[in-house]
Amino acid sequence: MKTLICGIVVLLTTALAADLAVIQPGEVAAQLAAKGTHPVIVQVGPIVLYRAKHIPGAIYAGPGARPEGLELLRQAVAKLPRDREIIVYCGCCPWNVCPNVKPAMELLKQMGFTHAKAMFIETGFLKDWTAKGYPEE
């Protein structure tokens, strides 16, 4: 039974990731460490997570599952070129149950952004970013 449940979770996670352009946390950290232009990073999770710790330079525009969060996101990116790289992340909970990333990505797609990616946070921001020693503020 445990194997069946694990298999279903993997399938659901894969299906969600298949709908989205995804980037791994290590890739984001490497981009931040590199010289040159960095992507716009947007945190679309609860404000309490953003205030506790977030990726350096990240813009708060969440929660992405609520209309007011989506409006914050719309305002935050409205003046950006549609080909600008944008990375959206949440980190509130495991990827397969996150309510915020997919609506945020759908909005960016509707707005015409062609280089938007969702950062794949498998478990949560603490384990998948902080515990790995990636930069935060």
C-alpha atoms as a PDB file:
ATOM      1  CA  MET A   1       0.000   0.000   0.000  1.00  0.00           C
ATOM      2  CA  LYS A   2       2.839   2.390   0.899  1.00  0.00           C
ATOM      3  CA  THR A   3       4.445   1.738  -2.502  1.00  0.00           C
ATOM      4  CA  LEU A   4       1.166   2.510  -4.254  1.00  0.00           C
ATOM      5  CA  ILE A   5       0.748   5.791  -2.387  1.00  0.00           C
ATOM      6  CA  CYS A   6       4.358   6.791  -3.121  1.00  0.00           C
ATOM      7  CA  GLY A   7       3.805   5.977  -6.795  1.00  0.00           C
ATOM      8  CA  ILE A   8       0.684   8.132  -6.929  1.00  0.00           C
ATOM      9  CA  VAL A   9       2.499  11.053  -5.263  1.00  0.00           C
ATOM     10  CA  VAL A  10       5.353  10.779  -7.784  1.00  0.00           C
ATOM     11  CA  LEU A  11       2.898  10.718 -10.688  1.00  0.00           C
ATOM     12  CA  LEU A  12       1.025  13.758  -9.403  1.00  0.00           C
ATOM     13  CA  THR A  13       4.257  15.646  -8.789  1.00  0.00           C
ATOM     14  CA  THR A  14       5.503  14.777 -12.264  1.00  0.00           C
ATOM     15  CA  ALA A  15       2.197  15.836 -13.814  1.00  0.00           C
ATOM     16  CA  LEU A  16       2.305  19.214 -12.084  1.00  0.00           C
ATOM     17  CA  ALA A  17       5.933  19.742 -13.090  1.00  0.00           C
ATOM     18  CA  ALA A  18       5.139  18.707 -16.683  1.00  0.00           C
ATOM     19  CA  ASP A  19       2.721  21.629 -17.007  1.00  0.00           C
ATOM     20  CA  LEU A  20       5.313  24.120 -15.839  1.00  0.00           C
ATOM     21  CA  ALA A  21       8.781  25.186 -16.835  1.00  0.00           C
ATOM     22  CA  VAL A  22      10.740  24.142 -13.749  1.00  0.00           C
ATOM     23  CA  ILE A  23      14.138  25.085 -12.347  1.00  0.00           C
ATOM     24  CA  GLN A  24      15.972  23.396  -9.478  1.00  0.00           C
ATOM     25  CA  PRO A  25      17.061  25.354  -6.361  1.00  0.00           C
ATOM     26  CA  GLY A  26      20.748  24.669  -7.070  1.00  0.00           C
ATOM     27  CA  GLU A  27      20.390  26.202 -10.529  1.00  0.00           C
ATOM     28  CA  VAL A  28      18.798  29.322  -9.038  1.00  0.00           C
ATOM     29  CA  ALA A  29      21.590  29.626  -6.466  1.00  0.00           C
ATOM     30  CA  ALA A  30      24.172  29.305  -9.244  1.00  0.00           C
ATOM     31  CA  GLN A  31      22.477  32.057 -11.252  1.00  0.00           C
ATOM     32  CA  LEU A  32      22.532  34.334  -8.214  1.00  0.00           C
ATOM     33  CA  ALA A  33      26.246  33.646  -7.680  1.00  0.00           C
ATOM     34  CA  ALA A  34      27.130  34.383 -11.306  1.00  0.00           C
ATOM     35  CA  LYS A  35      28.046  37.822 -12.568  1.00  0.00           C
ATOM     36  CA  GLY A  36      25.683  39.568 -14.920  1.00  0.00           C
ATOM     37  CA  THR A  37      21.947  39.936 -15.111  1.00  0.00           C
ATOM     38  CA  HIS A  38      19.975  37.887 -12.622  1.00  0.00           C
ATOM     39  CA  PRO A  39      16.427  36.671 -13.086  1.00  0.00           C
ATOM     40  CA  VAL A  40      13.553  38.412 -11.375  1.00  0.00           C
ATOM     41  CA  ILE A  41      12.650  36.208  -8.416  1.00  0.00           C
ATOM     42  CA  VAL A  42       9.151  36.319  -6.984  1.00  0.00           C
ATOM     43  CA  GLN A  43       8.002  34.641  -3.783  1.00  0.00           C
ATOM     44  CA  VAL A  44       4.307  33.760  -4.033  1.00  0.00           C
ATOM     45  CA  GLY A  45       3.842  32.083  -0.654  1.00  0.00           C
ATOM     46  CA  PRO A  46       2.570  33.386   2.678  1.00  0.00           C
ATOM     47  CA  ILE A  47       4.041  36.686   3.891  1.00  0.00           C
ATOM     48  CA  VAL A  48       5.242  35.055   7.121  1.00  0.00           C
ATOM     49  CA  LEU A  49       7.653  32.908   5.088  1.00  0.00           C
ATOM     50  CA  TYR A  50       8.915  35.917   3.137  1.00  0.00           C
ATOM     51  CA  ARG A  51       9.484  37.919   6.310  1.00  0.00           C
ATOM     52  CA  ALA A  52      11.305  35.039   8.005  1.00  0.00           C
ATOM     53  CA  LYS A  53      13.773  34.365   5.167  1.00  0.00           C
ATOM     54  CA  HIS A  54      13.676  34.654   1.419  1.00  0.00           C
ATOM     55  CA  ILE A  55      15.961  34.518  -1.588  1.00  0.00           C
ATOM     56  CA  PRO A  56      18.038  37.734  -1.828  1.00  0.00           C
ATOM     57  CA  GLY A  57      16.310  40.308  -3.983  1.00  0.00           C
ATOM     58  CA  ALA A  58      13.073  38.338  -4.177  1.00  0.00           C
ATOM     59  CA  ILE A  59       9.905  40.343  -4.624  1.00  0.00           C
ATOM     60  CA  TYR A  60       6.935  39.400  -2.460  1.00  0.00           C
ATOM     61  CA  ALA A  61       3.758  38.799  -4.459  1.00  0.00           C
ATOM     62  CA  GLY A  62       1.657  36.212  -2.757  1.00  0.00           C
ATOM     63  CA  PRO A  63      -0.030  34.096  -1.855  1.00  0.00           C
ATOM     64  CA  GLY A  64      -0.457  33.105  -5.470  1.00  0.00           C
ATOM     65  CA  ALA A  65      -3.635  31.134  -4.828  1.00  0.00           C
ATOM     66  CA  ARG A  66      -5.599  34.215  -3.759  1.00  0.00           C
ATOM     67  CA  PRO A  67      -6.919  37.009  -5.988  1.00  0.00           C
ATOM     68  CA  GLU A  68      -5.061  39.671  -3.987  1.00  0.00           C
ATOM     69  CA  GLY A  69      -1.822  37.707  -4.341  1.00  0.00           C
ATOM     70  CA  LEU A  70      -2.292  37.391  -8.065  1.00  0.00           C
ATOM     71  CA  GLU A  71      -2.943  41.122  -8.263  1.00  0.00           C
ATOM     72  CA  LEU A  72       0.318  41.763  -6.371  1.00  0.00           C
ATOM     73  CA  LEU A  73       2.092  39.559  -8.889  1.00  0.00           C
ATOM     74  CA  ARG A  74       0.464  41.339 -11.814  1.00  0.00           C
ATOM     75  CA  GLN A  75       1.589  44.716 -10.443  1.00  0.00           C
ATOM     76  CA  ALA A  76       5.112  43.484  -9.644  1.00  0.00           C
ATOM     77  CA  VAL A  77       5.804  42.324 -13.197  1.00  0.00           C
ATOM     78  CA  ALA A  78       3.587  44.652 -15.234  1.00  0.00           C
ATOM     79  CA  LYS A  79       6.436  46.820 -16.561  1.00  0.00           C
ATOM     80  CA  LEU A  80       8.910  44.010 -17.215  1.00  0.00           C
ATOM     81  CA  PRO A  81       9.743  42.937 -20.756  1.00  0.00           C
ATOM     82  CA  ARG A  82       7.787  39.803 -21.623  1.00  0.00           C
ATOM     83  CA  ASP A  83      10.999  37.941 -22.425  1.00  0.00           C
ATOM     84  CA  ARG A  84      12.599  38.661 -19.034  1.00  0.00           C
ATOM     85  CA  GLU A  85      13.470  35.577 -17.003  1.00  0.00           C
ATOM     86  CA  ILE A  86      11.205  35.265 -13.967  1.00  0.00           C
ATOM     87  CA  ILE A  87      11.502  32.590 -11.305  1.00  0.00           C
ATOM     88  CA  VAL A  88       8.507  31.982  -9.059  1.00  0.00           C
ATOM     89  CA  TYR A  89       8.748  30.068  -5.802  1.00  0.00           C
ATOM     90  CA  CYS A  90       6.664  29.404  -2.717  1.00  0.00           C
ATOM     91  CA  GLY A  91       8.159  26.915  -0.264  1.00  0.00           C
ATOM     92  CA  CYS A  92       5.178  26.770   2.083  1.00  0.00           C
ATOM     93  CA  CYS A  93       4.689  23.045   1.704  1.00  0.00           C
ATOM     94  CA  PRO A  94       5.661  20.095  -0.475  1.00  0.00           C
ATOM     95  CA  TRP A  95       5.547  20.717  -4.228  1.00  0.00           C
ATOM     96  CA  ASN A  96       2.749  18.249  -4.874  1.00  0.00           C
ATOM     97  CA  VAL A  97       0.293  20.127  -2.622  1.00  0.00           C
ATOM     98  CA  CYS A  98       1.452  23.746  -3.090  1.00  0.00           C
ATOM     99  CA  PRO A  99      -1.583  25.905  -3.893  1.00  0.00           C
ATOM    100  CA  ASN A 100       0.396  28.997  -4.946  1.00  0.00           C
ATOM    101  CA  VAL A 101       2.893  28.244  -7.708  1.00  0.00           C
ATOM    102  CA  LYS A 102       0.600  26.982 -10.455  1.00  0.00           C
ATOM    103  CA  PRO A 103      -1.873  29.936 -10.364  1.00  0.00           C
ATOM    104  CA  ALA A 104       1.078  32.367 -10.379  1.00  0.00           C
ATOM    105  CA  MET A 105       2.638  30.624 -13.369  1.00  0.00           C
ATOM    106  CA  GLU A 106      -0.692  30.577 -15.198  1.00  0.00           C
ATOM    107  CA  LEU A 107      -1.031  34.334 -14.680  1.00  0.00           C
ATOM    108  CA  LEU A 108       2.472  34.978 -16.024  1.00  0.00           C
ATOM    109  CA  LYS A 109       1.675  32.868 -19.074  1.00  0.00           C
ATOM    110  CA  GLN A 110      -1.575  34.802 -19.631  1.00  0.00           C
ATOM    111  CA  MET A 111       0.402  38.043 -19.389  1.00  0.00           C
ATOM    112  CA  GLY A 112       2.699  36.839 -22.166  1.00  0.00           C
ATOM    113  CA  PHE A 113       5.866  36.044 -20.213  1.00  0.00           C
ATOM    114  CA  THR A 114       7.877  33.526 -22.206  1.00  0.00           C
ATOM    115  CA  HIS A 115      10.731  32.836 -19.762  1.00  0.00           C
ATOM    116  CA  ALA A 116       8.878  32.203 -16.503  1.00  0.00           C
ATOM    117  CA  LYS A 117       9.950  29.207 -14.439  1.00  0.00           C
ATOM    118  CA  ALA A 118       8.774  27.662 -11.192  1.00  0.00           C
ATOM    119  CA  MET A 119      11.463  26.723  -8.690  1.00  0.00           C
ATOM    120  CA  PHE A 120      10.909  23.096  -7.758  1.00  0.00           C
ATOM    121  CA  ILE A 121      10.802  23.005  -3.964  1.00  0.00           C
ATOM    122  CA  GLU A 122      10.116  19.364  -3.303  1.00  0.00           C
ATOM    123  CA  THR A 123       9.625  19.524   0.487  1.00  0.00           C
ATOM    124  CA  GLY A 124       9.737  23.141   1.670  1.00  0.00           C
ATOM    125  CA  PHE A 125      11.952  26.226   1.619  1.00  0.00           C
ATOM    126  CA  LEU A 126      13.744  25.286   4.847  1.00  0.00           C
ATOM    127  CA  LYS A 127      14.859  21.850   3.644  1.00  0.00           C
ATOM    128  CA  ASP A 128      15.310  22.542  -0.057  1.00  0.00           C
ATOM    129  CA  TRP A 129      16.962  25.981   0.173  1.00  0.00           C
ATOM    130  CA  THR A 130      18.035  27.019   3.677  1.00  0.00           C
ATOM    131  CA  ALA A 131      19.457  23.659   4.797  1.00  0.00           C
ATOM    132  CA  LYS A 132      21.548  23.507   1.615  1.00  0.00           C
ATOM    133  CA  GLY A 133      23.266  26.765   2.489  1.00  0.00           C
ATOM    134  CA  TYR A 134      21.888  28.753  -0.428  1.00  0.00           C
ATOM    135  CA  PRO A 135      21.791  32.542   0.051  1.00  0.00           C
ATOM    136  CA  GLU A 136      18.916  34.130   1.896  1.00  0.00           C
ATOM    137  CA  GLU A 137      17.990  37.365   3.596  1.00  0.00           C
END
